[in-house]
Amino acid sequence: MMKKVFVAVAFLLFISVKGIFAQGDVTPQFQASKIYRLPQGEVVNEDLFIAAERVEISGLVNGDVYAAGGQIFIDGQVNGDLLAAGGTINVSGIVMQNLRIVGGQVTLSGRTGRNTSIAGGNIEIIQSAELNRGLAAVFGNFTLNAPVAGYVKAAGGNMTLNNTVNGNVDAAIGVLRVAGKGQVQGDLNYWSGDRASIDDTALITGSVNFNRVSGPPVKTAEVKNKLFAAARVSSLILTYFTGLIFLGLFPIFLKTTVTNLQEKPLMSFIWGIISPFLIFVLIIIFTLTIIGIPLAIFILLLYLLFFYIARIPVIFYLGKIFIGRLSADPKPVWVLTAGLLIYWILIMIPLFGPLFSFIVPVIGFGATLLAAGFSRKPHVQETSRGRSKKR
């Protein structure tokens, strides 16, 4: 049931080791901007890391692509893996290896050479898409109109299957419909509160196994475990791309925060523990007036967002400790990768994992506050020195 988790960890370990010992001709390229475009006809002969508001890849990438952005459009060709996280993601091109996507609105109409993994609010796989291996999906709403050469593993709210699946279908689902063109060349195993709607013209060559989630506790626990594993994998991918954005947009601030973790761990932890109480008091003050209620909600949401992001500096610091023993001048992206791998392994340890999961964002948030407070001092000192020289 934890297969997806360990596959993701093994994948990160591979690219981490590859990055540490990579030679010059395979050094990855990192791009951070508001808009990134790779026009048709252009070629990138290395791994490509992108953090932008809008990402457009119409050319050829002879390597892996890691993209994070508000809007991501892929209509070119990626000869490696594609890992993308964004608000709107549209893949109409060719991905020769694995496709891993986390997004709000995901549309797939292109071709994938190996396995496809998607986590999204709304997922639509159009009839023109070609999936040559298995498909794993976590979603709110999911429409599958394209054939799948292998298995389908799904967990989510509403799912419509309207083409051929040449393997088993395993789904933990709210509402499942197998439409008229739907075919399952294997078993249909699903866990739900209600039976699936299967059209008369649909074809299932194997057995149909319905497991009511309100039934035996074992089955209910199995569904929850599958959903929990899928959520963890989605969180892993989202954290990785958040870290890439941090590296691209705030390298100096990240360095200052990591320095605080290294030199002031106790102070960082204290500030991390105190800050929730201070923010809670501030929120209470604002809620005393009707005008202040929206601002209080905004402050709460902002705090939760930054508390989640606060893991990034700690993860980067863990990677720095590990890779610093193997390489004198490691590339930041591989430091992040190694750190995320270490973090993932540690939170999987029974008893210790939950405690570590609590400490990491706390100390990370405290170090971030210290970085925000002290980052202005060097600038002030330089200004004063400049004035003294003029005098």
Protein backbone atom coordinates (compact mmCIF):
# COMPACT_ATOMS: atom_id res chain seq x y z
CA MET A 1 0.00 0.00 0.00
CA MET A 2 3.05 2.26 0.46
CA LYS A 3 4.47 1.33 -2.94
CA LYS A 4 4.02 4.81 -4.39
CA VAL A 5 5.84 6.36 -1.44
CA PHE A 6 8.90 4.15 -1.78
CA VAL A 7 8.98 4.56 -5.57
CA ALA A 8 9.06 8.33 -5.12
CA VAL A 9 11.83 8.12 -2.50
CA ALA A 10 13.89 5.78 -4.69
CA PHE A 11 13.49 8.19 -7.61
CA LEU A 12 14.73 11.11 -5.52
CA LEU A 13 17.69 9.04 -4.32
CA PHE A 14 18.63 8.28 -7.92
CA ILE A 15 18.61 11.88 -9.10
CA SER A 16 20.40 12.97 -5.94
CA VAL A 17 23.30 10.55 -6.54
CA LYS A 18 23.30 11.40 -10.24
CA GLY A 19 23.53 15.10 -9.41
CA ILE A 20 26.38 14.71 -6.90
CA PHE A 21 28.61 12.80 -9.30
CA ALA A 22 27.44 14.39 -12.56
CA GLN A 23 30.02 15.64 -15.04
CA GLY A 24 29.95 18.96 -16.84
CA ASP A 25 28.03 17.79 -19.89
CA VAL A 26 25.02 16.74 -17.82
CA THR A 27 24.84 19.70 -15.47
CA PRO A 28 21.20 20.74 -15.13
CA GLN A 29 19.95 24.12 -16.27
CA PHE A 30 17.85 26.22 -13.87
CA GLN A 31 15.56 29.00 -15.07
CA ALA A 32 13.57 31.36 -12.82
CA SER A 33 11.48 34.15 -14.38
CA LYS A 34 7.93 35.40 -14.88
CA ILE A 35 7.62 33.71 -18.28
CA TYR A 36 9.74 30.88 -19.63
CA ARG A 37 9.46 29.78 -23.27
CA LEU A 38 11.31 27.10 -25.17
CA PRO A 39 10.23 27.79 -28.77
CA GLN A 40 9.67 25.11 -31.37
CA GLY A 41 12.93 24.12 -33.04
CA GLU A 42 15.14 24.88 -30.01
CA VAL A 43 16.92 22.06 -28.18
CA VAL A 44 18.08 21.73 -24.56
CA ASN A 45 20.60 18.91 -24.08
CA GLU A 46 20.43 18.68 -20.28
CA ASP A 47 17.99 18.45 -17.40
CA LEU A 48 15.85 21.58 -17.21
CA PHE A 49 14.59 23.18 -13.97
CA ILE A 50 12.00 25.94 -14.36
CA ALA A 51 10.17 28.19 -11.88
CA ALA A 52 7.97 30.80 -13.57
CA GLU A 53 4.46 32.22 -13.60
CA ARG A 54 3.96 30.79 -17.09
CA VAL A 55 5.92 27.92 -18.62
CA GLU A 56 5.74 27.02 -22.32
CA ILE A 57 7.81 24.19 -23.78
CA SER A 58 7.38 23.72 -27.53
CA GLY A 59 10.93 22.61 -28.30
CA LEU A 60 12.96 19.49 -27.52
CA VAL A 61 14.51 18.63 -24.15
CA ASN A 62 17.01 15.78 -24.10
CA GLY A 63 16.74 15.25 -20.36
CA ASP A 64 14.29 15.54 -17.48
CA VAL A 65 12.06 18.59 -17.02
CA TYR A 66 11.09 19.94 -13.57
CA ALA A 67 8.58 22.77 -13.95
CA ALA A 68 6.71 24.84 -11.38
CA GLY A 69 4.38 27.68 -12.27
CA GLY A 70 0.90 29.13 -12.39
CA GLN A 71 0.32 27.94 -15.97
CA ILE A 72 2.30 25.16 -17.64
CA PHE A 73 1.93 24.19 -21.30
CA ILE A 74 3.92 21.34 -22.82
CA ASP A 75 3.43 20.75 -26.56
CA GLY A 76 7.02 19.88 -27.41
CA GLN A 77 8.98 16.72 -26.66
CA VAL A 78 10.69 15.67 -23.42
CA ASN A 79 12.99 12.69 -23.82
CA GLY A 80 13.22 12.14 -20.07
CA ASP A 81 10.76 12.46 -17.19
CA LEU A 82 8.41 15.39 -16.77
CA LEU A 83 7.62 16.54 -13.21
CA ALA A 84 5.32 19.54 -13.04
CA ALA A 85 3.42 21.42 -10.34
CA GLY A 86 1.11 24.32 -11.11
CA GLY A 87 -2.35 25.80 -11.19
CA THR A 88 -3.23 24.91 -14.78
CA ILE A 89 -1.26 22.21 -16.60
CA ASN A 90 -1.80 21.19 -20.22
CA VAL A 91 0.34 18.45 -21.76
CA SER A 92 -0.28 17.91 -25.47
CA GLY A 93 3.26 16.95 -26.46
CA ILE A 94 5.38 13.83 -26.00
CA VAL A 95 6.96 12.64 -22.75
CA MET A 96 9.17 9.64 -23.50
CA GLN A 97 9.60 8.54 -19.88
CA ASN A 98 7.47 9.06 -16.74
CA LEU A 99 4.95 11.86 -16.28
CA ARG A 100 4.37 13.20 -12.72
CA ILE A 101 1.93 16.10 -12.32
CA VAL A 102 0.38 18.02 -9.42
CA GLY A 103 -2.08 20.74 -10.40
CA GLY A 104 -5.46 22.36 -9.98
CA GLN A 105 -6.71 21.84 -13.55
CA VAL A 106 -4.86 19.13 -15.49
CA THR A 107 -5.48 18.31 -19.15
CA LEU A 108 -3.57 15.55 -20.93
CA SER A 109 -3.86 14.99 -24.68
CA GLY A 110 -0.30 13.96 -25.56
CA ARG A 111 1.73 10.76 -25.33
CA THR A 112 3.62 9.25 -22.41
CA GLY A 113 6.18 6.49 -22.87
CA ARG A 114 6.08 5.08 -19.37
CA ASN A 115 3.98 5.51 -16.20
CA THR A 116 1.71 8.50 -15.59
CA SER A 117 0.97 9.88 -12.10
CA ILE A 118 -1.42 12.81 -11.63
CA ALA A 119 -2.77 14.59 -8.56
CA GLY A 120 -5.26 17.34 -9.30
CA GLY A 121 -8.56 19.02 -8.58
CA ASN A 122 -9.97 18.37 -12.04
CA ILE A 123 -8.27 15.92 -14.37
CA GLU A 124 -9.25 15.34 -17.98
CA ILE A 125 -7.45 12.89 -20.24
CA ILE A 126 -8.64 13.56 -23.77
CA GLN A 127 -9.30 10.84 -26.35
CA SER A 128 -6.22 11.76 -28.40
CA ALA A 129 -3.90 10.99 -25.46
CA GLU A 130 -1.74 7.86 -25.53
CA LEU A 131 -0.68 6.30 -22.22
CA ASN A 132 1.72 3.44 -22.86
CA ARG A 133 2.07 2.13 -19.30
CA GLY A 134 0.11 2.46 -16.06
CA LEU A 135 -1.87 5.40 -14.67
CA ALA A 136 -2.18 6.51 -11.04
CA ALA A 137 -4.45 9.44 -10.16
CA VAL A 138 -5.64 11.34 -7.08
CA PHE A 139 -8.39 13.86 -7.82
CA GLY A 140 -11.60 15.69 -7.15
CA ASN A 141 -13.09 14.97 -10.59
CA PHE A 142 -11.52 12.70 -13.20
CA THR A 143 -12.58 11.93 -16.78
CA LEU A 144 -10.64 9.26 -18.67
CA ASN A 145 -11.44 9.35 -22.39
CA ALA A 146 -8.15 7.86 -23.66
CA PRO A 147 -6.91 4.26 -23.77
CA VAL A 148 -4.43 3.11 -21.09
CA ALA A 149 -1.98 0.34 -21.98
CA GLY A 150 -1.55 -0.83 -18.37
CA TYR A 151 -3.27 -0.58 -15.01
CA VAL A 152 -5.30 2.27 -13.48
CA LYS A 153 -5.09 3.08 -9.78
CA ALA A 154 -7.35 5.92 -8.68
CA ALA A 155 -8.50 7.68 -5.52
CA GLY A 156 -10.86 10.63 -5.41
CA GLY A 157 -14.37 12.02 -5.71
CA ASN A 158 -15.94 11.44 -9.12
CA MET A 159 -14.50 9.29 -11.91
CA THR A 160 -15.76 8.54 -15.42
CA LEU A 161 -14.08 5.79 -17.44
CA ASN A 162 -14.88 6.05 -21.14
CA ASN A 163 -12.16 4.11 -23.00
CA THR A 164 -10.09 0.93 -22.80
CA VAL A 165 -7.88 -0.02 -19.87
CA ASN A 166 -5.65 -2.99 -20.72
CA GLY A 167 -5.21 -4.05 -17.11
CA ASN A 168 -6.88 -3.98 -13.72
CA VAL A 169 -8.67 -0.92 -12.35
CA ASP A 170 -8.33 -0.32 -8.58
CA ALA A 171 -10.23 2.69 -7.27
CA ALA A 172 -11.12 4.19 -3.90
CA ILE A 173 -13.88 6.42 -5.13
CA GLY A 174 -16.90 8.52 -4.26
CA VAL A 175 -18.84 8.03 -7.50
CA LEU A 176 -17.68 5.74 -10.33
CA ARG A 177 -19.18 5.51 -13.81
CA VAL A 178 -18.07 3.20 -16.60
CA ALA A 179 -19.49 4.86 -19.72
CA GLY A 180 -20.54 3.28 -23.01
CA LYS A 181 -17.05 3.17 -24.55
CA GLY A 182 -15.47 1.99 -21.31
CA GLN A 183 -13.62 -1.32 -21.34
CA VAL A 184 -11.58 -2.99 -18.62
CA GLN A 185 -9.38 -5.82 -19.90
CA GLY A 186 -8.95 -7.12 -16.37
CA ASP A 187 -10.65 -6.84 -12.97
CA LEU A 188 -12.53 -3.82 -11.70
CA ASN A 189 -11.89 -3.49 -7.96
CA TYR A 190 -13.39 -0.47 -6.25
CA TRP A 191 -14.13 0.79 -2.74
CA SER A 192 -17.07 3.18 -2.46
CA GLY A 193 -20.20 3.99 -0.54
CA ASP A 194 -22.35 3.11 -3.56
CA ARG A 195 -22.19 0.72 -6.48
CA ALA A 196 -20.72 1.97 -9.74
CA SER A 197 -22.88 2.98 -12.69
CA ILE A 198 -21.90 0.67 -15.56
CA ASP A 199 -23.48 1.31 -18.97
CA ASP A 200 -24.96 -1.66 -20.86
CA THR A 201 -22.48 -1.24 -23.73
CA ALA A 202 -19.45 -1.14 -21.40
CA LEU A 203 -17.24 -4.24 -21.30
CA ILE A 204 -15.38 -5.72 -18.31
CA THR A 205 -13.59 -8.97 -19.14
CA GLY A 206 -12.59 -9.78 -15.56
CA SER A 207 -14.55 -9.68 -12.33
CA VAL A 208 -16.24 -6.68 -10.74
CA ASN A 209 -15.47 -6.47 -7.04
CA PHE A 210 -17.40 -3.86 -5.05
CA ASN A 211 -16.20 -3.14 -1.51
CA ARG A 212 -18.51 -0.93 0.51
CA VAL A 213 -16.40 1.45 2.63
CA SER A 214 -18.96 1.45 5.43
CA GLY A 215 -18.60 -2.33 5.70
CA PRO A 216 -15.71 -4.31 7.26
CA PRO A 217 -13.20 -2.12 9.16
CA VAL A 218 -10.28 -3.78 7.36
CA LYS A 219 -11.48 -2.60 3.97
CA THR A 220 -12.13 0.92 5.26
CA ALA A 221 -8.63 1.08 6.72
CA GLU A 222 -7.19 -0.13 3.42
CA VAL A 223 -8.88 2.68 1.52
CA LYS A 224 -7.70 5.27 4.05
CA ASN A 225 -4.14 3.96 3.83
CA LYS A 226 -4.17 4.22 0.04
CA LEU A 227 -5.47 7.77 0.19
CA PHE A 228 -2.90 8.66 2.87
CA ALA A 229 -0.05 7.23 0.76
CA ALA A 230 -1.25 9.15 -2.31
CA ALA A 231 -1.50 12.38 -0.28
CA ARG A 232 2.05 11.91 0.99
CA VAL A 233 3.42 11.44 -2.51
CA SER A 234 1.57 14.59 -3.64
CA SER A 235 3.01 16.49 -0.66
CA LEU A 236 6.49 15.23 -1.53
CA ILE A 237 6.25 16.51 -5.10
CA LEU A 238 4.72 19.84 -4.02
CA THR A 239 7.46 20.37 -1.41
CA TYR A 240 10.14 19.65 -3.99
CA PHE A 241 8.82 22.21 -6.45
CA THR A 242 8.29 24.77 -3.69
CA GLY A 243 11.96 24.31 -2.83
CA LEU A 244 12.94 24.86 -6.47
CA ILE A 245 11.00 28.13 -6.51
CA PHE A 246 12.77 29.18 -3.31
CA LEU A 247 16.14 28.43 -4.88
CA GLY A 248 15.30 30.39 -8.00
CA LEU A 249 13.62 33.45 -6.51
CA PHE A 250 15.03 33.84 -2.97
CA PRO A 251 18.56 32.37 -2.92
CA ILE A 252 20.04 35.00 -0.57
CA PHE A 253 17.15 34.84 1.89
CA LEU A 254 17.33 31.04 1.87
CA LYS A 255 21.06 31.21 2.58
CA THR A 256 20.46 33.60 5.50
CA THR A 257 17.76 31.34 6.94
CA VAL A 258 20.00 28.26 6.69
CA THR A 259 22.77 30.22 8.43
CA ASN A 260 20.37 30.94 11.30
CA LEU A 261 19.59 27.24 11.56
CA GLN A 262 23.30 26.48 11.74
CA GLU A 263 24.36 29.24 14.12
CA LYS A 264 21.17 29.94 16.12
CA PRO A 265 19.17 26.69 16.34
CA LEU A 266 17.90 27.34 19.88
CA MET A 267 16.81 30.90 19.11
CA SER A 268 15.12 29.70 15.91
CA PHE A 269 13.19 27.06 17.86
CA ILE A 270 12.14 29.57 20.54
CA TRP A 271 10.84 32.02 17.95
CA GLY A 272 9.06 29.17 16.17
CA ILE A 273 7.29 28.18 19.41
CA ILE A 274 6.39 31.75 20.43
CA SER A 275 5.16 32.95 17.03
CA PRO A 276 1.84 31.00 16.96
CA PHE A 277 0.80 32.56 20.27
CA LEU A 278 1.71 36.06 19.09
CA ILE A 279 -0.19 35.57 15.84
CA PHE A 280 -3.16 34.12 17.74
CA VAL A 281 -3.28 37.23 19.95
CA LEU A 282 -3.08 39.44 16.86
CA ILE A 283 -5.93 37.55 15.21
CA ILE A 284 -8.09 37.89 18.36
CA ILE A 285 -7.48 41.64 18.39
CA PHE A 286 -8.56 42.01 14.75
CA THR A 287 -11.69 39.88 15.24
CA LEU A 288 -12.96 42.36 17.84
CA THR A 289 -14.13 44.57 14.99
CA ILE A 290 -16.19 43.61 11.95
CA ILE A 291 -13.75 45.40 9.65
CA GLY A 292 -10.84 43.44 11.08
CA ILE A 293 -12.35 39.96 10.58
CA PRO A 294 -11.30 39.63 6.89
CA LEU A 295 -7.81 40.79 7.82
CA ALA A 296 -7.68 38.23 10.66
CA ILE A 297 -8.63 35.45 8.24
CA PHE A 298 -5.99 36.67 5.80
CA ILE A 299 -3.31 36.67 8.53
CA LEU A 300 -4.27 33.15 9.58
CA LEU A 301 -4.10 31.83 6.01
CA LEU A 302 -0.81 33.63 5.43
CA TYR A 303 0.64 32.11 8.61
CA LEU A 304 -0.44 28.59 7.62
CA LEU A 305 1.13 29.07 4.20
CA PHE A 306 4.46 30.29 5.61
CA PHE A 307 4.40 27.56 8.26
CA TYR A 308 4.18 24.97 5.48
CA ILE A 309 6.93 26.63 3.44
CA ALA A 310 9.15 26.90 6.55
CA ARG A 311 10.16 23.26 6.06
CA ILE A 312 12.21 24.20 2.99
CA PRO A 313 15.19 25.83 4.81
CA VAL A 314 15.44 22.89 7.23
CA ILE A 315 15.28 20.39 4.36
CA PHE A 316 17.98 22.36 2.55
CA TYR A 317 20.12 22.39 5.69
CA LEU A 318 19.79 18.60 6.05
CA GLY A 319 20.91 18.19 2.45
CA LYS A 320 23.80 20.57 2.98
CA ILE A 321 25.07 18.49 5.91
CA PHE A 322 24.81 15.26 3.91
CA ILE A 323 26.19 16.37 0.53
CA GLY A 324 28.84 18.59 2.18
CA ARG A 325 30.59 15.37 3.18
CA LEU A 326 30.64 14.13 -0.42
CA SER A 327 31.30 17.25 -2.47
CA ALA A 328 33.15 20.49 -1.71
CA ASP A 329 30.92 22.61 -3.97
CA PRO A 330 27.55 20.84 -4.43
CA LYS A 331 24.88 22.30 -6.65
CA PRO A 332 21.94 23.77 -4.67
CA VAL A 333 19.32 21.72 -6.51
CA TRP A 334 21.02 18.46 -5.48
CA VAL A 335 21.36 19.71 -1.91
CA LEU A 336 17.59 20.25 -1.88
CA THR A 337 16.97 16.81 -3.39
CA ALA A 338 19.17 15.03 -0.85
CA GLY A 339 17.64 17.02 2.02
CA LEU A 340 14.12 16.11 0.96
CA LEU A 341 15.12 12.46 0.75
CA ILE A 342 16.56 12.54 4.29
CA TYR A 343 13.49 14.38 5.60
CA TRP A 344 11.18 11.84 3.97
CA ILE A 345 13.04 8.90 5.49
CA LEU A 346 13.03 10.47 8.97
CA ILE A 347 9.29 11.22 9.04
CA MET A 348 8.60 7.59 8.09
CA ILE A 349 10.20 6.33 11.33
CA PRO A 350 7.54 5.23 13.87
CA LEU A 351 7.21 7.46 16.97
CA PHE A 352 10.14 9.69 15.93
CA GLY A 353 8.51 10.69 12.62
CA PRO A 354 5.53 12.64 14.03
CA LEU A 355 7.81 14.49 16.49
CA PHE A 356 10.25 15.37 13.72
CA SER A 357 7.38 16.51 11.47
CA PHE A 358 6.37 18.96 14.21
CA ILE A 359 9.87 20.27 15.00
CA VAL A 360 10.92 20.92 11.39
CA PRO A 361 8.34 23.62 10.48
CA VAL A 362 8.60 25.16 13.96
CA ILE A 363 12.37 25.69 13.87
CA GLY A 364 12.18 26.57 10.17
CA PHE A 365 9.60 29.28 10.79
CA GLY A 366 11.67 30.68 13.65
CA ALA A 367 14.79 30.81 11.46
CA THR A 368 12.74 32.51 8.74
CA LEU A 369 11.59 35.20 11.18
CA LEU A 370 15.18 35.79 12.26
CA ALA A 371 16.27 36.06 8.63
CA ALA A 372 13.53 38.58 7.92
CA GLY A 373 14.56 40.61 10.97
CA PHE A 374 18.33 40.62 10.46
CA SER A 375 18.51 40.69 6.68
CA ARG A 376 18.25 44.50 6.66
CA LYS A 377 21.26 45.11 8.93
CA PRO A 378 24.04 44.52 6.39
CA HIS A 379 22.33 46.94 4.02
CA VAL A 380 22.15 49.65 6.71
CA GLN A 381 25.82 49.20 7.61
CA GLU A 382 26.91 49.48 3.99
CA THR A 383 24.89 52.67 3.62
CA SER A 384 26.46 54.21 6.72
CA ARG A 385 29.93 53.26 5.52
CA GLY A 386 29.27 54.78 2.15
CA ARG A 387 28.23 58.06 3.80
CA SER A 388 31.28 58.11 6.03
CA LYS A 389 33.56 57.71 3.00
CA LYS A 390 31.89 60.63 1.27
CA ARG A 391 32.50 62.78 4.32
